[in-house]
């Protein structure tokens, strides 16, 4: 995405482009620090630089990519981000055929670092490798532990939309109640490991 005023572009188009730029210049939490692109308008954007050219600087963020015209860039401070660290760890686990436990550990680390999307990605890989992994289920998107019953899960079916009951059944859970978009499942006492 290239931002800037091109010859023949209307003022309205420039305002829209500027507003889009400001909308994406929301600071990222300190845990996700990376390369910092300082703009001439005083704003700064943090992420991982994918490409630098005389025309633009392309920055990768956890939710996508954004390009800045080189003319609007004041300076760049380089550093390693939690997101970049996640990418390195993910690549290492892919190369070494990481175990489900290692992927779950990466998911928990990503969650602590504020990388929710990355945590979900690692959790789903762990689930694919070992659906019965202890401690995995509460990390699945839209699934949380019941506040009063530790053997019961509360599933938001707006988030966990694809066959949630069938998937959880394969993981050893049985339906207790399903009302609107909330599914309650539990393991039977004799099915749980002691």
Foldseek 3Di string as FASTA:
>chain_A
DEADDDPPDDVVVNVVSVVVVVVQLDEDDPQFAFKWFQFPVGTIDGAYFPDDDQAWTWGADLVGIDIYGPVGTPDIDGDHGPVNVLVVLVVVCVVVVNALVSLQVSLVVCVVSVSLVSSQVSLVVSCVRPVQDPPNQCSHWQWHADPPDRQKIKGQCVTVVDPPQVSVVVNQWHWDDDDDRITMIGHDPVRDDD
